[in-house]
N, C-alpha and C. Protein backbone atom coordinates (compact mmCIF):
# COMPACT_ATOMS: atom_id res chain seq x y z
N LEU A 1 95.22 62.94 107.30
CA LEU A 1 96.61 63.10 106.93
C LEU A 1 96.84 64.41 106.17
N ALA A 2 95.89 64.78 105.33
CA ALA A 2 96.04 66.03 104.57
C ALA A 2 96.03 67.23 105.50
N GLY A 3 95.21 67.19 106.55
CA GLY A 3 95.16 68.29 107.52
C GLY A 3 96.47 68.43 108.28
N LEU A 4 97.08 67.29 108.64
CA LEU A 4 98.36 67.32 109.34
C LEU A 4 99.45 67.89 108.43
N TRP A 5 99.43 67.52 107.15
CA TRP A 5 100.42 68.04 106.21
C TRP A 5 100.25 69.56 106.04
N THR A 6 99.02 70.05 106.05
CA THR A 6 98.76 71.48 105.94
C THR A 6 99.34 72.23 107.13
N VAL A 7 99.24 71.64 108.32
CA VAL A 7 99.81 72.27 109.51
C VAL A 7 101.33 72.34 109.40
N PHE A 8 101.96 71.24 108.96
CA PHE A 8 103.42 71.22 108.84
C PHE A 8 103.94 72.18 107.77
N THR A 9 103.18 72.36 106.72
CA THR A 9 103.63 73.25 105.64
C THR A 9 103.05 74.64 105.78
N LEU A 10 102.40 74.91 106.91
CA LEU A 10 101.80 76.22 107.17
C LEU A 10 100.84 76.62 106.06
N GLY A 11 100.00 75.70 105.66
CA GLY A 11 99.00 75.99 104.64
C GLY A 11 99.59 76.11 103.25
N GLY A 12 100.69 75.46 102.99
CA GLY A 12 101.30 75.50 101.67
C GLY A 12 102.34 76.57 101.49
N VAL A 13 102.75 77.22 102.58
CA VAL A 13 103.74 78.28 102.47
C VAL A 13 105.04 77.76 101.86
N GLY A 14 105.39 76.52 102.17
CA GLY A 14 106.63 75.96 101.66
C GLY A 14 106.65 75.82 100.15
N SER A 15 105.46 75.79 99.53
CA SER A 15 105.42 75.62 98.08
C SER A 15 105.44 76.95 97.33
N LYS A 16 105.32 78.06 98.06
CA LYS A 16 105.32 79.37 97.41
C LYS A 16 106.74 79.76 97.02
N PRO A 17 106.89 80.55 95.96
CA PRO A 17 108.24 81.01 95.59
C PRO A 17 108.81 81.92 96.67
N THR A 18 110.12 81.88 96.79
CA THR A 18 110.77 82.71 97.80
C THR A 18 110.74 84.16 97.37
N PRO A 19 110.75 85.09 98.32
CA PRO A 19 110.76 86.52 97.96
C PRO A 19 111.97 86.87 97.11
N GLN A 20 111.82 87.95 96.35
CA GLN A 20 112.87 88.38 95.43
C GLN A 20 114.20 88.64 96.14
N LEU A 21 114.14 89.22 97.34
CA LEU A 21 115.37 89.53 98.06
C LEU A 21 116.14 88.28 98.39
N GLU A 22 115.45 87.22 98.81
CA GLU A 22 116.13 85.99 99.18
C GLU A 22 116.70 85.30 97.95
N GLN A 23 116.04 85.41 96.80
CA GLN A 23 116.54 84.79 95.59
C GLN A 23 117.80 85.50 95.10
N CYS A 24 117.84 86.83 95.21
CA CYS A 24 118.97 87.60 94.69
C CYS A 24 120.21 87.46 95.55
N SER A 25 120.06 87.64 96.83
CA SER A 25 121.22 87.65 97.70
C SER A 25 120.87 87.09 99.08
N PRO A 26 120.96 85.79 99.23
CA PRO A 26 120.61 85.20 100.52
C PRO A 26 121.54 85.66 101.65
N LEU A 27 122.79 85.95 101.34
CA LEU A 27 123.71 86.44 102.36
C LEU A 27 123.29 87.82 102.86
N ALA A 28 122.88 88.69 101.95
CA ALA A 28 122.41 90.02 102.34
C ALA A 28 121.16 89.91 103.19
N ASN A 29 120.25 89.02 102.82
CA ASN A 29 119.03 88.83 103.58
C ASN A 29 119.34 88.33 105.00
N GLN A 30 120.20 87.34 105.12
CA GLN A 30 120.56 86.81 106.43
C GLN A 30 121.32 87.84 107.25
N SER A 31 122.16 88.64 106.61
CA SER A 31 122.90 89.68 107.32
C SER A 31 121.96 90.75 107.86
N LEU A 32 120.98 91.12 107.08
CA LEU A 32 120.00 92.11 107.52
C LEU A 32 119.20 91.58 108.71
N LEU A 33 118.79 90.33 108.64
CA LEU A 33 118.06 89.74 109.76
C LEU A 33 118.92 89.69 111.02
N LEU A 34 120.19 89.35 110.88
CA LEU A 34 121.10 89.32 112.02
C LEU A 34 121.27 90.71 112.61
N LEU A 35 121.43 91.72 111.75
CA LEU A 35 121.56 93.09 112.22
C LEU A 35 120.33 93.52 113.01
N LEU A 36 119.15 93.17 112.53
CA LEU A 36 117.92 93.53 113.22
C LEU A 36 117.83 92.85 114.59
N VAL A 37 118.22 91.59 114.65
CA VAL A 37 118.20 90.88 115.93
C VAL A 37 119.18 91.50 116.90
N LEU A 38 120.41 91.74 116.45
CA LEU A 38 121.43 92.30 117.34
C LEU A 38 121.05 93.71 117.82
N ALA A 39 120.49 94.50 116.94
CA ALA A 39 120.14 95.87 117.32
C ALA A 39 118.96 95.93 118.27
N ASN A 40 118.17 94.88 118.31
CA ASN A 40 116.99 94.89 119.18
C ASN A 40 117.15 94.04 120.43
N LEU A 41 118.36 93.62 120.73
CA LEU A 41 118.61 92.94 122.00
C LEU A 41 118.42 93.93 123.13
N THR A 42 117.98 93.45 124.26
CA THR A 42 117.76 94.36 125.39
C THR A 42 119.08 94.82 125.97
N ASP A 43 119.06 96.03 126.52
CA ASP A 43 120.24 96.59 127.16
C ASP A 43 120.42 95.98 128.54
N ALA A 44 121.68 95.77 128.91
CA ALA A 44 121.98 95.35 130.28
C ALA A 44 121.95 96.60 131.15
N PRO A 45 121.70 96.46 132.45
CA PRO A 45 121.63 97.64 133.32
C PRO A 45 122.93 98.45 133.34
N ASP A 46 124.06 97.78 133.25
CA ASP A 46 125.33 98.50 133.33
C ASP A 46 125.97 98.79 131.98
N THR A 47 125.55 98.12 130.92
CA THR A 47 126.12 98.37 129.59
C THR A 47 125.01 98.44 128.54
N PRO A 48 124.97 99.51 127.76
CA PRO A 48 123.98 99.60 126.68
C PRO A 48 124.34 98.67 125.52
N ASN A 49 123.37 98.34 124.73
CA ASN A 49 123.57 97.49 123.56
C ASN A 49 124.43 98.24 122.54
N PRO A 50 125.65 97.74 122.23
CA PRO A 50 126.53 98.47 121.30
C PRO A 50 125.98 98.52 119.87
N TYR A 51 125.22 97.52 119.48
CA TYR A 51 124.65 97.51 118.13
C TYR A 51 123.58 98.60 118.01
N ARG A 52 122.75 98.73 119.03
CA ARG A 52 121.74 99.78 119.03
C ARG A 52 122.40 101.15 119.07
N GLN A 53 123.47 101.29 119.86
CA GLN A 53 124.19 102.56 119.93
C GLN A 53 124.74 102.93 118.55
N ALA A 54 125.26 101.95 117.84
CA ALA A 54 125.81 102.21 116.50
C ALA A 54 124.70 102.61 115.53
N ILE A 55 123.57 101.91 115.58
CA ILE A 55 122.43 102.22 114.71
C ILE A 55 121.91 103.63 114.98
N MET A 56 121.92 104.03 116.24
CA MET A 56 121.38 105.33 116.63
C MET A 56 122.31 106.48 116.28
N SER A 57 123.57 106.22 116.01
CA SER A 57 124.51 107.34 115.91
C SER A 57 125.31 107.42 114.61
N PHE A 58 125.15 106.49 113.67
CA PHE A 58 126.00 106.59 112.48
C PHE A 58 125.62 107.80 111.65
N LYS A 59 126.62 108.31 110.91
CA LYS A 59 126.46 109.54 110.13
C LYS A 59 126.72 109.31 108.65
N ASN A 60 126.36 110.30 107.87
CA ASN A 60 126.56 110.28 106.43
C ASN A 60 128.01 110.55 106.09
N THR A 61 128.54 109.85 105.11
CA THR A 61 129.92 110.11 104.68
C THR A 61 130.04 111.49 104.04
N GLN A 62 128.92 112.02 103.56
CA GLN A 62 128.93 113.35 102.94
C GLN A 62 128.87 114.47 103.98
N ASP A 63 128.67 114.11 105.24
CA ASP A 63 128.60 115.09 106.32
C ASP A 63 130.00 115.59 106.64
N ASN A 64 130.17 116.89 106.71
CA ASN A 64 131.50 117.46 106.94
C ASN A 64 131.92 117.47 108.40
N SER A 65 130.96 117.30 109.32
CA SER A 65 131.32 117.31 110.73
C SER A 65 132.09 116.04 111.08
N ALA A 66 133.04 116.18 111.98
CA ALA A 66 133.88 115.06 112.37
C ALA A 66 133.10 114.08 113.24
N LEU A 67 133.54 112.83 113.22
CA LEU A 67 132.94 111.83 114.09
C LEU A 67 133.27 112.15 115.53
N SER A 68 132.31 111.93 116.39
CA SER A 68 132.51 112.18 117.81
C SER A 68 133.37 111.06 118.40
N SER A 69 134.44 111.42 119.05
CA SER A 69 135.29 110.41 119.67
C SER A 69 134.69 109.91 120.98
N ALA A 70 133.64 110.59 121.47
CA ALA A 70 132.99 110.16 122.71
C ALA A 70 132.21 108.87 122.50
N ASN A 71 131.75 108.61 121.27
CA ASN A 71 131.00 107.40 120.99
C ASN A 71 131.91 106.39 120.29
N PRO A 72 132.29 105.31 120.97
CA PRO A 72 133.19 104.33 120.36
C PRO A 72 132.54 103.53 119.24
N HIS A 73 131.21 103.58 119.12
CA HIS A 73 130.50 102.80 118.11
C HIS A 73 130.16 103.62 116.87
N ALA A 74 130.63 104.85 116.80
CA ALA A 74 130.28 105.73 115.69
C ALA A 74 130.98 105.29 114.40
N PHE A 75 130.27 105.38 113.30
CA PHE A 75 130.84 105.11 111.98
C PHE A 75 130.08 105.93 110.96
N GLN A 76 130.55 105.92 109.72
CA GLN A 76 129.90 106.67 108.65
C GLN A 76 129.52 105.72 107.53
N ILE A 77 128.43 106.05 106.85
CA ILE A 77 127.95 105.28 105.71
C ILE A 77 127.39 106.26 104.69
N ASN A 78 127.42 105.89 103.43
CA ASN A 78 126.87 106.74 102.38
C ASN A 78 125.34 106.65 102.42
N PHE A 79 124.69 107.73 102.84
CA PHE A 79 123.23 107.72 102.99
C PHE A 79 122.52 107.59 101.65
N ASN A 80 123.11 108.09 100.58
CA ASN A 80 122.48 107.97 99.26
C ASN A 80 122.40 106.50 98.86
N SER A 81 123.47 105.75 99.08
CA SER A 81 123.46 104.32 98.76
C SER A 81 122.47 103.56 99.65
N LEU A 82 122.44 103.91 100.91
CA LEU A 82 121.50 103.29 101.85
C LEU A 82 120.06 103.58 101.42
N TYR A 83 119.77 104.83 101.09
CA TYR A 83 118.43 105.22 100.67
C TYR A 83 118.02 104.47 99.40
N THR A 84 118.91 104.39 98.44
CA THR A 84 118.63 103.68 97.19
C THR A 84 118.35 102.21 97.45
N ALA A 85 119.16 101.58 98.30
CA ALA A 85 118.95 100.17 98.61
C ALA A 85 117.62 99.95 99.33
N LEU A 86 117.28 100.83 100.26
CA LEU A 86 116.01 100.69 100.96
C LEU A 86 114.82 100.89 100.03
N CYS A 87 114.94 101.82 99.08
CA CYS A 87 113.88 102.02 98.09
C CYS A 87 113.69 100.78 97.22
N ASP A 88 114.80 100.16 96.84
CA ASP A 88 114.75 98.98 95.98
C ASP A 88 114.18 97.76 96.69
N GLN A 89 114.29 97.69 98.00
CA GLN A 89 113.92 96.48 98.74
C GLN A 89 112.69 96.66 99.62
N GLN A 90 111.84 97.64 99.36
CA GLN A 90 110.71 97.89 100.24
C GLN A 90 109.64 96.81 100.22
N LYS A 91 109.73 95.86 99.30
CA LYS A 91 108.78 94.75 99.32
C LYS A 91 109.14 93.72 100.37
N ALA A 92 110.36 93.80 100.88
CA ALA A 92 110.81 92.86 101.90
C ALA A 92 110.52 93.43 103.29
N ASP A 93 109.93 92.61 104.13
CA ASP A 93 109.56 93.07 105.48
C ASP A 93 110.77 93.52 106.28
N GLN A 94 111.88 92.80 106.16
CA GLN A 94 113.06 93.13 106.96
C GLN A 94 113.65 94.48 106.55
N ALA A 95 113.58 94.83 105.28
CA ALA A 95 114.07 96.14 104.83
C ALA A 95 113.17 97.26 105.36
N THR A 96 111.87 97.01 105.37
CA THR A 96 110.93 97.99 105.91
C THR A 96 111.15 98.17 107.41
N LEU A 97 111.42 97.08 108.10
CA LEU A 97 111.68 97.16 109.54
C LEU A 97 112.96 97.94 109.82
N LEU A 98 114.00 97.73 109.01
CA LEU A 98 115.24 98.49 109.16
C LEU A 98 114.97 99.98 108.93
N LEU A 99 114.23 100.31 107.89
CA LEU A 99 113.90 101.71 107.62
C LEU A 99 113.15 102.33 108.79
N TYR A 100 112.17 101.62 109.30
CA TYR A 100 111.39 102.11 110.44
C TYR A 100 112.31 102.36 111.65
N MET A 101 113.19 101.42 111.92
CA MET A 101 114.10 101.56 113.05
C MET A 101 115.04 102.75 112.85
N LEU A 102 115.55 102.92 111.64
CA LEU A 102 116.46 104.04 111.37
C LEU A 102 115.75 105.38 111.49
N LEU A 103 114.53 105.46 110.97
CA LEU A 103 113.79 106.72 111.04
C LEU A 103 113.46 107.12 112.47
N HIS A 104 113.22 106.14 113.31
CA HIS A 104 112.84 106.43 114.69
C HIS A 104 114.04 106.60 115.63
N GLN A 105 115.16 105.96 115.33
CA GLN A 105 116.26 105.96 116.29
C GLN A 105 117.48 106.75 115.85
N ASN A 106 117.59 107.08 114.57
CA ASN A 106 118.76 107.81 114.10
C ASN A 106 118.31 109.15 113.50
N GLY A 107 118.57 110.22 114.22
CA GLY A 107 118.17 111.55 113.76
C GLY A 107 118.86 111.96 112.47
N ASN A 108 120.07 111.47 112.23
CA ASN A 108 120.79 111.79 111.00
C ASN A 108 120.07 111.21 109.78
N VAL A 109 119.63 109.96 109.88
CA VAL A 109 118.91 109.32 108.78
C VAL A 109 117.56 110.00 108.58
N ARG A 110 116.86 110.28 109.67
CA ARG A 110 115.55 110.94 109.59
C ARG A 110 115.67 112.28 108.87
N THR A 111 116.66 113.08 109.24
CA THR A 111 116.87 114.39 108.60
C THR A 111 117.17 114.22 107.12
N TYR A 112 118.01 113.25 106.79
CA TYR A 112 118.37 113.01 105.39
C TYR A 112 117.14 112.61 104.57
N VAL A 113 116.33 111.67 105.07
CA VAL A 113 115.17 111.20 104.33
C VAL A 113 114.15 112.32 104.16
N LEU A 114 113.93 113.11 105.20
CA LEU A 114 112.96 114.20 105.09
C LEU A 114 113.42 115.29 104.14
N ALA A 115 114.73 115.41 103.92
CA ALA A 115 115.26 116.42 103.02
C ALA A 115 115.24 115.97 101.55
N ARG A 116 114.99 114.68 101.32
CA ARG A 116 114.99 114.17 99.95
C ARG A 116 113.79 114.73 99.18
N THR A 117 113.99 115.01 97.90
CA THR A 117 112.90 115.49 97.06
C THR A 117 112.17 114.33 96.37
N ASP A 118 112.75 113.14 96.41
CA ASP A 118 112.14 111.98 95.76
C ASP A 118 111.64 110.96 96.79
N ILE A 119 111.03 111.44 97.85
CA ILE A 119 110.58 110.56 98.92
C ILE A 119 109.47 109.61 98.45
N GLU A 120 108.80 109.95 97.35
CA GLU A 120 107.76 109.07 96.83
C GLU A 120 108.33 107.72 96.39
N ASN A 121 109.61 107.65 96.07
CA ASN A 121 110.24 106.37 95.74
C ASN A 121 110.26 105.44 96.95
N LEU A 122 110.38 106.01 98.11
CA LEU A 122 110.41 105.22 99.33
C LEU A 122 109.01 104.82 99.75
N VAL A 123 108.07 105.72 99.59
CA VAL A 123 106.70 105.47 100.00
C VAL A 123 106.02 104.58 98.97
């Protein structure tokens, strides 16, 4: 019976305290997980994934160049706030996965992060 209980609780995982991110803001945690799922859905042959398109193309609010009207999914976000939030949440796997996805798929975010002088906060 004890072995069966260990299987159901995944070796006692259920008794461990929840990660800090989930304790602070469960809505933010669930929203981040939803964003990751939506952005990683496969593209249809005739229509690209709009969530992935948005992740790949958003720009910094501090950027002076205008938003491209050719991309209907384009939007702007404050990269400093995003960077600070990602630095604060790097112990959470989902935040690290979002950072990885942004660095690989969004050239604007990659350029911004590489230009930072305090990159050790992220690493």
